[in-house]
């Protein structure tokens, strides 16, 4: 039997359609991402100052810090259950390290 005489494989056709849909989605996403970055404005010192003032007025940074601490607490509990052999002193350092990273990258 030659390749032309083989009966169609519905499973293969379904996979091809899925692959095409995935490829289309990736192309659309790539185009949208490139378009959006083209419209981004430059961050002037005045605009940065306005953003920082807005963050202070809305207490957004403290809310972010609170959310980070809640995630760290949940993560610590999960680690304790999964790895009881890890000393508590190691887990106690985790919130301090997360705060240090937050302060270094978000607060500045």
Foldseek 3Di string as FASTA:
>chain_A
DDPVPDDDDVVVVVVVVVVVVVVVVVVVVVVVVVVVVVPDDDCDPVNVVVVLVVCVVVVVLVVVLVVVVVVLVVVLVVCCVVPVPDDVVVSVCVNVVSVVVCCVPPVD
